Amino acid sequence: MLKRITEDLKLPAPPFWLIAGLLILLSLHLVPLALIARARVSSSTKPRPHMILDMDKQAKLKAQRASSIFADGRAMRPPVPGTVAWGPGANTPDADHLAEDDHYFRGYKLVKSPAGGGTDIEYFQGFPDRVTVDEALLLRGQRKFNTYCFPCHGYGGQGDGPIHQRALKIGAGTTGWVPPSDLTDAERAARPEGHLFNSITNGIRNMAGYGRQIPVQDRWAIVAYLRALQLRQNAPPELAGEIQ
């Protein structure tokens, strides 16, 4: 009697399609987790999916792209005529941002050619008024010279840096290698400070310019240190005992 009651209460086995469906759903809910785990340990050149377009990802016109908004079809717009650069101060023009000081920012000025019909470059003698040549400037110039100039010109500026030494070692001197200049010779010592500054900024002959790598103040510091190297190399006899 008890056995029959127990058999009557026993639930029938679920159908196969129900079991299979539940297993498929259980497997599918693991797929997003697996994709997330894979994304955390993988890399891709494509940007991540961005569901919400915040300010870090917004519609914009990039450089050199076309645009139907403007009549000329260009996305890039030229400056408005008469635009003046302004600095961080409130309603205050920033003279440094305008780079109006030729002596400080360029080392030269343009003057009318005596022959007429054009302009000539005139390099400034001495240092700009805003540059104070003192021990601090010379020490900073030494650090920057040893960082940017030493590889070619050597610590003493005589053109015997490790790059030149390596070129000689591998025989580049016989294949058109142009040795670095001796910055302490009479020719470079006779050049105005503005000429040296411009050479650092824009380069000269085979030397590339360092205007983008070295700030203006540091370029003048290098010029000051270079003058110290030249003085040490070509000091007059009466100063030889004072220069170490």
Protein backbone atom coordinates (compact mmCIF):
# COMPACT_ATOMS: atom_id res chain seq x y z
CA MET A 1 0.00 0.00 0.00
CA LEU A 2 2.77 2.44 1.01
CA LYS A 3 4.79 1.51 -2.06
CA ARG A 4 1.88 2.28 -4.36
CA ILE A 5 1.29 5.67 -2.69
CA THR A 6 4.97 6.53 -3.13
CA GLU A 7 4.87 5.62 -6.80
CA ASP A 8 1.78 7.75 -7.29
CA LEU A 9 3.56 10.81 -5.73
CA LYS A 10 6.70 10.42 -7.88
CA LEU A 11 6.95 13.19 -10.47
CA PRO A 12 7.55 12.19 -14.06
CA ALA A 13 10.96 12.94 -15.59
CA PRO A 14 11.10 16.29 -17.48
CA PRO A 15 11.08 16.00 -21.25
CA PHE A 16 14.35 16.02 -23.13
CA TRP A 17 13.64 19.32 -24.91
CA LEU A 18 13.22 21.08 -21.57
CA ILE A 19 16.50 19.72 -20.22
CA ALA A 20 18.30 20.64 -23.46
CA GLY A 21 16.83 24.15 -23.43
CA LEU A 22 17.90 24.77 -19.84
CA LEU A 23 21.45 23.60 -20.61
CA ILE A 24 21.63 25.89 -23.65
CA LEU A 25 20.42 28.89 -21.60
CA LEU A 26 22.95 28.09 -18.88
CA SER A 27 25.74 28.00 -21.46
CA LEU A 28 24.61 31.20 -23.18
CA HIS A 29 24.62 33.25 -20.00
CA LEU A 30 28.33 32.42 -19.62
CA VAL A 31 29.17 33.85 -23.06
CA PRO A 32 29.13 37.56 -21.98
CA LEU A 33 31.32 36.73 -19.00
CA ALA A 34 33.76 34.90 -21.25
CA LEU A 35 33.87 37.83 -23.71
CA ILE A 36 34.50 40.30 -20.90
CA ALA A 37 37.31 38.13 -19.50
CA ARG A 38 38.86 37.82 -22.96
CA ALA A 39 38.69 41.57 -23.56
CA ARG A 40 40.58 42.25 -20.33
CA VAL A 41 43.60 40.22 -21.44
CA SER A 42 43.61 40.95 -25.19
CA SER A 43 44.58 43.98 -27.26
CA SER A 44 43.14 45.46 -30.42
CA THR A 45 43.76 48.36 -32.77
CA LYS A 46 40.04 49.13 -32.80
CA PRO A 47 38.46 51.37 -30.14
CA ARG A 48 36.40 49.80 -27.40
CA PRO A 49 32.62 49.87 -27.77
CA HIS A 50 31.37 53.22 -26.50
CA MET A 51 27.75 53.01 -25.46
CA ILE A 52 27.47 56.57 -24.13
CA LEU A 53 28.98 59.36 -26.26
CA ASP A 54 30.52 61.54 -23.57
CA MET A 55 32.88 64.44 -24.25
CA ASP A 56 35.80 62.05 -24.70
CA LYS A 57 34.14 60.64 -27.83
CA GLN A 58 32.02 63.02 -29.78
CA ALA A 59 31.24 63.95 -33.34
CA LYS A 60 33.91 66.25 -34.78
CA LEU A 61 35.65 67.21 -38.00
CA LYS A 62 39.28 66.13 -38.09
CA ALA A 63 42.17 67.82 -39.88
CA GLN A 64 42.38 67.43 -43.66
CA ARG A 65 38.76 66.22 -43.82
CA ALA A 66 36.00 67.53 -46.06
CA SER A 67 32.96 69.31 -44.70
CA SER A 68 29.73 70.34 -46.34
CA ILE A 69 29.10 73.02 -43.71
CA PHE A 70 31.43 75.57 -45.31
CA ALA A 71 31.29 76.84 -48.86
CA ASP A 72 34.87 75.81 -49.68
CA GLY A 73 34.22 72.24 -48.51
CA ARG A 74 37.08 72.24 -45.99
CA ALA A 75 36.85 71.28 -42.34
CA MET A 76 40.03 73.19 -41.42
CA ARG A 77 39.48 76.92 -41.11
CA PRO A 78 42.11 79.65 -41.53
CA PRO A 79 42.60 82.15 -38.68
CA VAL A 80 40.18 85.04 -38.65
CA PRO A 81 41.88 88.14 -40.12
CA GLY A 82 43.25 90.35 -37.37
CA THR A 83 43.39 87.53 -34.79
CA VAL A 84 45.86 88.26 -31.99
CA ALA A 85 47.31 85.59 -29.70
CA TRP A 86 46.39 86.07 -26.06
CA GLY A 87 48.02 84.66 -22.97
CA PRO A 88 46.63 83.12 -19.79
CA GLY A 89 46.09 86.46 -18.05
CA ALA A 90 42.70 88.13 -18.00
CA ASN A 91 42.47 90.48 -20.99
CA THR A 92 46.27 90.68 -21.18
CA PRO A 93 48.24 90.04 -24.38
CA ASP A 94 51.04 87.55 -23.78
CA ALA A 95 54.24 88.96 -25.31
CA ASP A 96 55.98 85.59 -25.03
CA HIS A 97 53.15 83.86 -26.88
CA LEU A 98 53.37 86.45 -29.62
CA ALA A 99 57.17 85.93 -29.79
CA GLU A 100 57.68 89.57 -30.72
CA ASP A 101 61.17 89.81 -29.22
CA ASP A 102 63.42 88.91 -32.18
CA HIS A 103 66.56 88.87 -30.06
CA TYR A 104 65.17 86.42 -27.51
CA PHE A 105 63.07 84.13 -29.72
CA ARG A 106 65.06 84.11 -32.97
CA GLY A 107 68.53 85.55 -32.42
CA TYR A 108 68.28 87.69 -35.54
CA LYS A 109 66.23 90.41 -37.19
CA LEU A 110 65.37 91.17 -40.77
CA VAL A 111 66.76 94.42 -42.19
CA LYS A 112 66.41 96.00 -45.59
CA SER A 113 69.09 94.92 -47.98
CA PRO A 114 71.50 97.73 -48.93
CA ALA A 115 71.14 96.61 -52.53
CA GLY A 116 67.38 97.09 -52.27
CA GLY A 117 64.58 94.78 -53.26
CA GLY A 118 64.82 92.40 -50.33
CA THR A 119 65.86 91.79 -46.75
CA ASP A 120 68.98 90.51 -45.04
CA ILE A 121 69.44 88.64 -41.78
CA GLU A 122 71.29 90.51 -39.05
CA TYR A 123 72.31 88.40 -36.04
CA PHE A 124 72.25 89.96 -32.59
CA GLN A 125 75.43 90.44 -30.63
CA GLY A 126 75.32 89.56 -26.95
CA PHE A 127 72.48 88.08 -24.91
CA PRO A 128 68.88 89.35 -24.69
CA ASP A 129 67.99 91.63 -21.80
CA ARG A 130 65.85 88.95 -20.15
CA VAL A 131 68.77 86.48 -20.05
CA THR A 132 71.05 86.91 -17.06
CA VAL A 133 74.40 85.22 -17.58
CA ASP A 134 75.37 83.90 -14.17
CA GLU A 135 76.59 80.68 -12.61
CA ALA A 136 73.10 79.16 -12.53
CA LEU A 137 72.65 79.77 -16.27
CA LEU A 138 76.07 78.29 -17.07
CA LEU A 139 75.39 75.17 -15.00
CA ARG A 140 72.05 74.69 -16.73
CA GLY A 141 73.70 75.23 -20.09
CA GLN A 142 76.29 72.59 -19.20
CA ARG A 143 73.58 70.05 -18.38
CA LYS A 144 71.70 70.75 -21.60
CA PHE A 145 74.91 70.75 -23.67
CA ASN A 146 75.91 67.38 -22.21
CA THR A 147 72.44 66.06 -23.05
CA TYR A 148 71.93 67.29 -26.61
CA CYS A 149 75.33 68.40 -27.95
CA PHE A 150 77.81 65.99 -26.36
CA PRO A 151 76.98 62.95 -28.57
CA CYS A 152 78.42 64.72 -31.62
CA HIS A 153 80.58 67.57 -30.31
CA GLY A 154 82.00 65.95 -27.16
CA TYR A 155 82.14 67.35 -23.65
CA GLY A 156 84.66 69.98 -24.70
CA GLY A 157 82.77 70.97 -27.86
CA GLN A 158 85.68 70.04 -30.15
CA GLY A 159 83.73 67.65 -32.38
CA ASP A 160 85.08 64.45 -30.82
CA GLY A 161 81.87 63.02 -29.40
CA PRO A 162 81.05 59.29 -29.29
CA ILE A 163 79.04 59.42 -32.53
CA HIS A 164 82.08 60.75 -34.39
CA GLN A 165 84.35 58.21 -32.70
CA ARG A 166 82.00 55.41 -33.70
CA ALA A 167 81.88 56.67 -37.29
CA LEU A 168 85.67 56.60 -37.49
CA LYS A 169 85.79 53.14 -35.95
CA ILE A 170 83.46 51.61 -38.55
CA GLY A 171 85.17 53.41 -41.41
CA ALA A 172 82.47 55.95 -42.16
CA GLY A 173 85.14 58.57 -42.68
CA THR A 174 85.92 57.06 -46.08
CA THR A 175 82.27 57.09 -47.24
CA GLY A 176 81.41 60.76 -47.07
CA TRP A 177 81.12 61.13 -43.29
CA VAL A 178 81.10 64.82 -42.32
CA PRO A 179 82.72 65.25 -38.89
CA PRO A 180 81.00 67.48 -36.32
CA SER A 181 82.30 71.02 -36.11
CA ASP A 182 84.77 72.14 -33.48
CA LEU A 183 82.65 74.64 -31.61
CA THR A 184 85.68 76.18 -29.91
CA ASP A 185 87.61 77.15 -33.04
CA ALA A 186 88.12 80.73 -34.12
CA GLU A 187 85.35 80.63 -36.75
CA ARG A 188 82.59 79.67 -34.27
CA ALA A 189 84.02 81.90 -31.54
CA ALA A 190 83.71 84.88 -33.87
CA ARG A 191 80.03 84.28 -34.59
CA PRO A 192 77.48 86.46 -32.78
CA GLU A 193 75.47 84.89 -29.97
CA GLY A 194 72.34 85.22 -32.08
CA HIS A 195 73.96 83.12 -34.81
CA LEU A 196 74.77 80.34 -32.35
CA PHE A 197 71.24 80.48 -30.97
CA ASN A 198 69.75 80.24 -34.45
CA SER A 199 71.98 77.27 -35.28
CA ILE A 200 70.68 75.43 -32.22
CA THR A 201 67.10 76.34 -33.08
CA ASN A 202 67.00 75.61 -36.80
CA GLY A 203 70.13 73.57 -37.41
CA ILE A 204 73.00 74.28 -39.74
CA ARG A 205 74.31 72.20 -42.65
CA ASN A 206 74.09 68.52 -41.58
CA MET A 207 73.00 69.35 -38.02
CA ALA A 208 69.26 69.16 -37.34
CA GLY A 209 67.48 71.88 -35.41
CA TYR A 210 66.56 71.43 -31.74
CA GLY A 211 63.94 74.15 -31.52
CA ARG A 212 61.21 71.64 -30.65
CA GLN A 213 63.24 69.75 -28.06
CA ILE A 214 64.97 72.57 -26.18
CA PRO A 215 63.05 75.54 -24.71
CA VAL A 216 64.16 79.06 -25.60
CA GLN A 217 65.71 79.79 -22.21
CA ASP A 218 67.71 76.56 -22.30
CA ARG A 219 69.00 77.34 -25.79
CA TRP A 220 70.42 80.60 -24.49
CA ALA A 221 71.91 78.69 -21.57
CA ILE A 222 73.70 76.42 -24.05
CA VAL A 223 75.02 79.48 -25.89
CA ALA A 224 76.35 80.88 -22.62
CA TYR A 225 78.05 77.59 -21.77
CA LEU A 226 79.48 77.39 -25.29
CA ARG A 227 81.00 80.82 -24.81
CA ALA A 228 82.61 79.51 -21.61
CA LEU A 229 84.09 76.54 -23.52
CA GLN A 230 85.42 78.89 -26.20
CA LEU A 231 86.94 81.19 -23.60
CA ARG A 232 88.56 78.24 -21.86
CA GLN A 233 90.05 77.03 -25.15
CA ASN A 234 91.13 80.42 -26.47
CA ALA A 235 91.76 82.40 -23.30
CA PRO A 236 94.26 85.25 -23.59
CA PRO A 237 97.52 84.73 -21.71
CA GLU A 238 96.59 87.18 -18.93
CA LEU A 239 93.49 85.07 -18.08
CA ALA A 240 95.04 81.62 -18.49
CA GLY A 241 95.74 81.28 -14.78
CA GLU A 242 92.21 82.27 -13.78
CA ILE A 243 90.32 79.77 -16.00
CA GLN A 244 90.20 76.18 -14.81
